[in-house]
Amino acid sequence: MRIPDHLQRLLSIAAAVLLIALAATAALTEGHGFAGWARPAGVLVGGLLAVRRVPFPAVVIAATATTALLRLCGVS
């Protein structure tokens, strides 16, 4: 079975949109409410580093450290 090229592009875009929506939901919510500012800040730092093609372990460590430091400073 052959899928037309335009449909393949649409499916790729749809997969990316679903992944971004899942990441945003996980970053912004905890239970039934807002997760606070520390977690989205860590996700933002990780996303920026990933876009700049920083090695994955460094992205994870930077995102985690950002979230932890903000929480240590009292930012929820």
PDB file of N, CA and C in Angstrom:
ATOM      1  N   MET A   1       0.831  -1.175   0.000  1.00  0.00           N
ATOM      2  CA  MET A   1       0.000   0.000   0.000  1.00  0.00           C
ATOM      3  C   MET A   1       0.881   1.244   0.000  1.00  0.00           C
ATOM      4  N   ARG A   2       0.563   2.203  -0.828  1.00  0.00           N
ATOM      5  CA  ARG A   2       1.359   3.430  -0.942  1.00  0.00           C
ATOM      6  C   ARG A   2       0.542   4.601  -0.414  1.00  0.00           C
ATOM      7  N   ILE A   3       1.150   5.352   0.483  1.00  0.00           N
ATOM      8  CA  ILE A   3       0.503   6.548   1.031  1.00  0.00           C
ATOM      9  C   ILE A   3       0.990   7.743   0.226  1.00  0.00           C
ATOM     10  N   PRO A   4       0.075   8.591  -0.244  1.00  0.00           N
ATOM     11  CA  PRO A   4       0.477   9.763  -1.019  1.00  0.00           C
ATOM     12  C   PRO A   4       1.416  10.678  -0.216  1.00  0.00           C
ATOM     13  N   ASP A   5       2.296  11.367  -0.931  1.00  0.00           N
ATOM     14  CA  ASP A   5       3.298  12.218  -0.281  1.00  0.00           C
ATOM     15  C   ASP A   5       2.669  13.292   0.602  1.00  0.00           C
ATOM     16  N   HIS A   6       1.606  13.938   0.122  1.00  0.00           N
ATOM     17  CA  HIS A   6       0.999  15.000   0.921  1.00  0.00           C
ATOM     18  C   HIS A   6       0.391  14.438   2.211  1.00  0.00           C
ATOM     19  N   LEU A   7      -0.120  13.210   2.173  1.00  0.00           N
ATOM     20  CA  LEU A   7      -0.667  12.599   3.377  1.00  0.00           C
ATOM     21  C   LEU A   7       0.454  12.218   4.345  1.00  0.00           C
ATOM     22  N   GLN A   8       1.582  11.771   3.834  1.00  0.00           N
ATOM     23  CA  GLN A   8       2.728  11.456   4.689  1.00  0.00           C
ATOM     24  C   GLN A   8       3.202  12.704   5.425  1.00  0.00           C
ATOM     25  N   ARG A   9       3.259  13.843   4.714  1.00  0.00           N
ATOM     26  CA  ARG A   9       3.650  15.100   5.366  1.00  0.00           C
ATOM     27  C   ARG A   9       2.659  15.489   6.449  1.00  0.00           C
ATOM     28  N   LEU A  10       1.365  15.349   6.160  1.00  0.00           N
ATOM     29  CA  LEU A  10       0.345  15.680   7.152  1.00  0.00           C
ATOM     30  C   LEU A  10       0.448  14.779   8.380  1.00  0.00           C
ATOM     31  N   LEU A  11       0.716  13.504   8.172  1.00  0.00           N
ATOM     32  CA  LEU A  11       0.857  12.581   9.295  1.00  0.00           C
ATOM     33  C   LEU A  11       2.080  12.921  10.140  1.00  0.00           C
ATOM     34  N   SER A  12       3.164  13.322   9.504  1.00  0.00           N
ATOM     35  CA  SER A  12       4.360  13.735  10.243  1.00  0.00           C
ATOM     36  C   SER A  12       4.085  14.976  11.076  1.00  0.00           C
ATOM     37  N   ILE A  13       3.377  15.932  10.491  1.00  0.00           N
ATOM     38  CA  ILE A  13       3.029  17.152  11.219  1.00  0.00           C
ATOM     39  C   ILE A  13       2.093  16.825  12.375  1.00  0.00           C
ATOM     40  N   ALA A  14       1.112  15.959  12.133  1.00  0.00           N
ATOM     41  CA  ALA A  14       0.165  15.580  13.184  1.00  0.00           C
ATOM     42  C   ALA A  14       0.884  14.897  14.343  1.00  0.00           C
ATOM     43  N   ALA A  15       1.849  14.045  14.053  1.00  0.00           N
ATOM     44  CA  ALA A  15       2.605  13.372  15.110  1.00  0.00           C
ATOM     45  C   ALA A  15       3.389  14.386  15.939  1.00  0.00           C
ATOM     46  N   ALA A  16       3.999  15.361  15.285  1.00  0.00           N
ATOM     47  CA  ALA A  16       4.749  16.387  16.002  1.00  0.00           C
ATOM     48  C   ALA A  16       3.826  17.235  16.879  1.00  0.00           C
ATOM     49  N   VAL A  17       2.669  17.593  16.362  1.00  0.00           N
ATOM     50  CA  VAL A  17       1.714  18.391  17.132  1.00  0.00           C
ATOM     51  C   VAL A  17       1.236  17.618  18.359  1.00  0.00           C
ATOM     52  N   LEU A  18       0.939  16.334  18.208  1.00  0.00           N
ATOM     53  CA  LEU A  18       0.515  15.521  19.351  1.00  0.00           C
ATOM     54  C   LEU A  18       1.613  15.403  20.403  1.00  0.00           C
ATOM     55  N   LEU A  19       2.851  15.241  19.963  1.00  0.00           N
ATOM     56  CA  LEU A  19       3.965  15.144  20.900  1.00  0.00           C
ATOM     57  C   LEU A  19       4.155  16.457  21.661  1.00  0.00           C
ATOM     58  N   ILE A  20       4.053  17.581  20.969  1.00  0.00           N
ATOM     59  CA  ILE A  20       4.183  18.884  21.623  1.00  0.00           C
ATOM     60  C   ILE A  20       3.041  19.098  22.610  1.00  0.00           C
ATOM     61  N   ALA A  21       1.828  18.722  22.230  1.00  0.00           N
ATOM     62  CA  ALA A  21       0.686  18.874  23.130  1.00  0.00           C
ATOM     63  C   ALA A  21       0.855  18.018  24.385  1.00  0.00           C
ATOM     64  N   LEU A  22       1.352  16.816  24.234  1.00  0.00           N
ATOM     65  CA  LEU A  22       1.596  15.945  25.383  1.00  0.00           C
ATOM     66  C   LEU A  22       2.661  16.533  26.294  1.00  0.00           C
ATOM     67  N   ALA A  23       3.746  17.023  25.707  1.00  0.00           N
ATOM     68  CA  ALA A  23       4.817  17.630  26.503  1.00  0.00           C
ATOM     69  C   ALA A  23       4.318  18.878  27.234  1.00  0.00           C
ATOM     70  N   ALA A  24       3.526  19.702  26.558  1.00  0.00           N
ATOM     71  CA  ALA A  24       2.991  20.913  27.188  1.00  0.00           C
ATOM     72  C   ALA A  24       2.062  20.559  28.339  1.00  0.00           C
ATOM     73  N   THR A  25       1.213  19.559  28.143  1.00  0.00           N
ATOM     74  CA  THR A  25       0.295  19.142  29.199  1.00  0.00           C
ATOM     75  C   THR A  25       1.061  18.610  30.402  1.00  0.00           C
ATOM     76  N   ALA A  26       2.070  17.813  30.150  1.00  0.00           N
ATOM     77  CA  ALA A  26       2.866  17.261  31.248  1.00  0.00           C
ATOM     78  C   ALA A  26       3.672  18.340  31.956  1.00  0.00           C
ATOM     79  N   ALA A  27       4.122  19.352  31.217  1.00  0.00           N
ATOM     80  CA  ALA A  27       4.939  20.409  31.811  1.00  0.00           C
ATOM     81  C   ALA A  27       4.115  21.406  32.605  1.00  0.00           C
ATOM     82  N   LEU A  28       2.886  21.628  32.212  1.00  0.00           N
ATOM     83  CA  LEU A  28       2.093  22.699  32.814  1.00  0.00           C
ATOM     84  C   LEU A  28       1.102  22.250  33.877  1.00  0.00           C
ATOM     85  N   THR A  29       0.783  20.965  33.929  1.00  0.00           N
ATOM     86  CA  THR A  29      -0.243  20.525  34.878  1.00  0.00           C
ATOM     87  C   THR A  29       0.290  19.455  35.818  1.00  0.00           C
ATOM     88  N   GLU A  30      -0.317  19.446  36.997  1.00  0.00           N
ATOM     89  CA  GLU A  30      -0.045  18.406  37.991  1.00  0.00           C
ATOM     90  C   GLU A  30      -1.373  18.105  38.663  1.00  0.00           C
ATOM     91  N   GLY A  31      -1.839  16.912  38.524  1.00  0.00           N
ATOM     92  CA  GLY A  31      -3.175  16.605  39.021  1.00  0.00           C
ATOM     93  C   GLY A  31      -4.206  17.338  38.180  1.00  0.00           C
ATOM     94  N   HIS A  32      -4.993  18.175  38.848  1.00  0.00           N
ATOM     95  CA  HIS A  32      -6.011  18.934  38.131  1.00  0.00           C
ATOM     96  C   HIS A  32      -5.683  20.416  38.065  1.00  0.00           C
ATOM     97  N   GLY A  33      -4.472  20.798  38.412  1.00  0.00           N
ATOM     98  CA  GLY A  33      -4.146  22.216  38.462  1.00  0.00           C
ATOM     99  C   GLY A  33      -2.808  22.534  37.814  1.00  0.00           C
ATOM    100  N   PHE A  34      -2.456  23.796  37.939  1.00  0.00           N
ATOM    101  CA  PHE A  34      -1.201  24.306  37.381  1.00  0.00           C
ATOM    102  C   PHE A  34      -0.025  23.750  38.181  1.00  0.00           C
ATOM    103  N   ALA A  35       1.034  23.350  37.509  1.00  0.00           N
ATOM    104  CA  ALA A  35       2.181  22.721  38.156  1.00  0.00           C
ATOM    105  C   ALA A  35       3.118  23.717  38.813  1.00  0.00           C
ATOM    106  N   GLY A  36       2.924  24.993  38.603  1.00  0.00           N
ATOM    107  CA  GLY A  36       3.841  25.999  39.126  1.00  0.00           C
ATOM    108  C   GLY A  36       4.794  26.442  38.029  1.00  0.00           C
ATOM    109  N   TRP A  37       5.659  27.362  38.358  1.00  0.00           N
ATOM    110  CA  TRP A  37       6.537  27.950  37.341  1.00  0.00           C
ATOM    111  C   TRP A  37       7.864  27.222  37.174  1.00  0.00           C
ATOM    112  N   ALA A  38       8.293  26.461  38.167  1.00  0.00           N
ATOM    113  CA  ALA A  38       9.608  25.810  38.096  1.00  0.00           C
ATOM    114  C   ALA A  38       9.660  24.743  37.005  1.00  0.00           C
ATOM    115  N   ARG A  39       8.646  23.925  36.926  1.00  0.00           N
ATOM    116  CA  ARG A  39       8.652  22.849  35.931  1.00  0.00           C
ATOM    117  C   ARG A  39       8.626  23.383  34.502  1.00  0.00           C
ATOM    118  N   PRO A  40       7.722  24.319  34.148  1.00  0.00           N
ATOM    119  CA  PRO A  40       7.749  24.852  32.785  1.00  0.00           C
ATOM    120  C   PRO A  40       9.068  25.562  32.457  1.00  0.00           C
ATOM    121  N   ALA A  41       9.680  26.196  33.450  1.00  0.00           N
ATOM    122  CA  ALA A  41      10.972  26.844  33.208  1.00  0.00           C
ATOM    123  C   ALA A  41      12.032  25.804  32.867  1.00  0.00           C
ATOM    124  N   GLY A  42      12.034  24.678  33.568  1.00  0.00           N
ATOM    125  CA  GLY A  42      12.979  23.604  33.267  1.00  0.00           C
ATOM    126  C   GLY A  42      12.748  23.017  31.886  1.00  0.00           C
ATOM    127  N   VAL A  43      11.483  22.843  31.531  1.00  0.00           N
ATOM    128  CA  VAL A  43      11.158  22.331  30.193  1.00  0.00           C
ATOM    129  C   VAL A  43      11.606  23.325  29.121  1.00  0.00           C
ATOM    130  N   LEU A  44      11.414  24.622  29.379  1.00  0.00           N
ATOM    131  CA  LEU A  44      11.841  25.640  28.426  1.00  0.00           C
ATOM    132  C   LEU A  44      13.358  25.614  28.232  1.00  0.00           C
ATOM    133  N   VAL A  45      14.105  25.519  29.322  1.00  0.00           N
ATOM    134  CA  VAL A  45      15.566  25.434  29.227  1.00  0.00           C
ATOM    135  C   VAL A  45      15.969  24.189  28.441  1.00  0.00           C
ATOM    136  N   GLY A  46      15.355  23.063  28.755  1.00  0.00           N
ATOM    137  CA  GLY A  46      15.659  21.835  28.027  1.00  0.00           C
ATOM    138  C   GLY A  46      15.325  21.942  26.549  1.00  0.00           C
ATOM    139  N   GLY A  47      14.183  22.548  26.235  1.00  0.00           N
ATOM    140  CA  GLY A  47      13.792  22.718  24.836  1.00  0.00           C
ATOM    141  C   GLY A  47      14.747  23.609  24.068  1.00  0.00           C
ATOM    142  N   LEU A  48      15.155  24.709  24.702  1.00  0.00           N
ATOM    143  CA  LEU A  48      16.102  25.616  24.034  1.00  0.00           C
ATOM    144  C   LEU A  48      17.441  24.926  23.770  1.00  0.00           C
ATOM    145  N   LEU A  49      17.902  24.165  24.742  1.00  0.00           N
ATOM    146  CA  LEU A  49      19.174  23.455  24.544  1.00  0.00           C
ATOM    147  C   LEU A  49      19.038  22.365  23.484  1.00  0.00           C
ATOM    148  N   ALA A  50      17.900  21.700  23.449  1.00  0.00           N
ATOM    149  CA  ALA A  50      17.686  20.657  22.439  1.00  0.00           C
ATOM    150  C   ALA A  50      17.652  21.255  21.036  1.00  0.00           C
ATOM    151  N   VAL A  51      17.030  22.423  20.902  1.00  0.00           N
ATOM    152  CA  VAL A  51      16.992  23.093  19.595  1.00  0.00           C
ATOM    153  C   VAL A  51      18.401  23.474  19.149  1.00  0.00           C
ATOM    154  N   ARG A  52      19.248  23.825  20.111  1.00  0.00           N
ATOM    155  CA  ARG A  52      20.632  24.187  19.797  1.00  0.00           C
ATOM    156  C   ARG A  52      21.535  22.956  19.640  1.00  0.00           C
ATOM    157  N   ARG A  53      20.910  21.766  19.679  1.00  0.00           N
ATOM    158  CA  ARG A  53      21.594  20.480  19.468  1.00  0.00           C
ATOM    159  C   ARG A  53      22.681  20.174  20.506  1.00  0.00           C
ATOM    160  N   VAL A  54      22.391  20.527  21.740  1.00  0.00           N
ATOM    161  CA  VAL A  54      23.262  20.161  22.856  1.00  0.00           C
ATOM    162  C   VAL A  54      23.059  18.668  23.114  1.00  0.00           C
ATOM    163  N   PRO A  55      24.097  17.939  23.509  1.00  0.00           N
ATOM    164  CA  PRO A  55      23.932  16.503  23.778  1.00  0.00           C
ATOM    165  C   PRO A  55      22.814  16.239  24.798  1.00  0.00           C
ATOM    166  N   PHE A  56      22.074  15.159  24.564  1.00  0.00           N
ATOM    167  CA  PHE A  56      20.885  14.854  25.355  1.00  0.00           C
ATOM    168  C   PHE A  56      21.136  14.786  26.861  1.00  0.00           C
ATOM    169  N   PRO A  57      22.199  14.128  27.328  1.00  0.00           N
ATOM    170  CA  PRO A  57      22.417  14.109  28.789  1.00  0.00           C
ATOM    171  C   PRO A  57      22.567  15.519  29.374  1.00  0.00           C
ATOM    172  N   ALA A  58      23.217  16.413  28.649  1.00  0.00           N
ATOM    173  CA  ALA A  58      23.362  17.788  29.128  1.00  0.00           C
ATOM    174  C   ALA A  58      22.020  18.507  29.154  1.00  0.00           C
ATOM    175  N   VAL A  59      21.163  18.220  28.191  1.00  0.00           N
ATOM    176  CA  VAL A  59      19.822  18.819  28.165  1.00  0.00           C
ATOM    177  C   VAL A  59      19.039  18.384  29.395  1.00  0.00           C
ATOM    178  N   VAL A  60      19.063  17.092  29.696  1.00  0.00           N
ATOM    179  CA  VAL A  60      18.325  16.567  30.844  1.00  0.00           C
ATOM    180  C   VAL A  60      18.868  17.144  32.143  1.00  0.00           C
ATOM    181  N   ILE A  61      20.175  17.192  32.273  1.00  0.00           N
ATOM    182  CA  ILE A  61      20.785  17.721  33.501  1.00  0.00           C
ATOM    183  C   ILE A  61      20.460  19.199  33.669  1.00  0.00           C
ATOM    184  N   ALA A  62      20.538  19.979  32.600  1.00  0.00           N
ATOM    185  CA  ALA A  62      20.240  21.413  32.686  1.00  0.00           C
ATOM    186  C   ALA A  62      18.773  21.663  33.032  1.00  0.00           C
ATOM    187  N   ALA A  63      17.873  20.909  32.417  1.00  0.00           N
ATOM    188  CA  ALA A  63      16.449  21.078  32.710  1.00  0.00           C
ATOM    189  C   ALA A  63      16.144  20.705  34.153  1.00  0.00           C
ATOM    190  N   THR A  64      16.711  19.608  34.606  1.00  0.00           N
ATOM    191  CA  THR A  64      16.499  19.170  35.983  1.00  0.00           C
ATOM    192  C   THR A  64      17.090  20.162  36.972  1.00  0.00           C
ATOM    193  N   ALA A  65      18.296  20.629  36.685  1.00  0.00           N
ATOM    194  CA  ALA A  65      18.949  21.589  37.577  1.00  0.00           C
ATOM    195  C   ALA A  65      18.172  22.901  37.640  1.00  0.00           C
ATOM    196  N   THR A  66      17.652  23.353  36.516  1.00  0.00           N
ATOM    197  CA  THR A  66      16.861  24.585  36.500  1.00  0.00           C
ATOM    198  C   THR A  66      15.641  24.442  37.392  1.00  0.00           C
ATOM    199  N   THR A  67      14.911  23.347  37.224  1.00  0.00           N
ATOM    200  CA  THR A  67      13.721  23.115  38.033  1.00  0.00           C
ATOM    201  C   THR A  67      14.083  23.011  39.506  1.00  0.00           C
ATOM    202  N   ALA A  68      15.132  22.260  39.821  1.00  0.00           N
ATOM    203  CA  ALA A  68      15.531  22.069  41.216  1.00  0.00           C
ATOM    204  C   ALA A  68      15.978  23.382  41.860  1.00  0.00           C
ATOM    205  N   LEU A  69      16.757  24.174  41.140  1.00  0.00           N
ATOM    206  CA  LEU A  69      17.218  25.439  41.702  1.00  0.00           C
ATOM    207  C   LEU A  69      16.078  26.420  41.935  1.00  0.00           C
ATOM    208  N   LEU A  70      15.140  26.451  40.992  1.00  0.00           N
ATOM    209  CA  LEU A  70      13.982  27.337  41.181  1.00  0.00           C
ATOM    210  C   LEU A  70      13.154  26.901  42.380  1.00  0.00           C
ATOM    211  N   ARG A  71      12.979  25.603  42.546  1.00  0.00           N
ATOM    212  CA  ARG A  71      12.222  25.109  43.709  1.00  0.00           C
ATOM    213  C   ARG A  71      12.982  25.364  45.002  1.00  0.00           C
ATOM    214  N   LEU A  72      14.304  25.252  44.945  1.00  0.00           N
ATOM    215  CA  LEU A  72      15.127  25.537  46.127  1.00  0.00           C
ATOM    216  C   LEU A  72      14.998  27.017  46.526  1.00  0.00           C
ATOM    217  N   CYS A  73      14.829  27.883  45.537  1.00  0.00           N
ATOM    218  CA  CYS A  73      14.670  29.317  45.798  1.00  0.00           C
ATOM    219  C   CYS A  73      13.251  29.684  46.199  1.00  0.00           C
ATOM    220  N   GLY A  74      12.346  28.719  46.251  1.00  0.00           N
ATOM    221  CA  GLY A  74      10.993  28.972  46.699  1.00  0.00           C
ATOM    222  C   GLY A  74       9.965  29.153  45.594  1.00  0.00           C
ATOM    223  N   VAL A  75      10.383  29.025  44.333  1.00  0.00           N
ATOM    224  CA  VAL A  75       9.435  29.116  43.224  1.00  0.00           C
ATOM    225  C   VAL A  75       8.751  27.768  43.106  1.00  0.00           C
ATOM    226  N   SER A  76       7.420  27.780  43.139  1.00  0.00           N
ATOM    227  CA  SER A  76       6.699  26.498  43.100  1.00  0.00           C
ATOM    228  C   SER A  76       6.681  25.903  41.721  1.00  0.00           C
TER     229      SER A  76
END
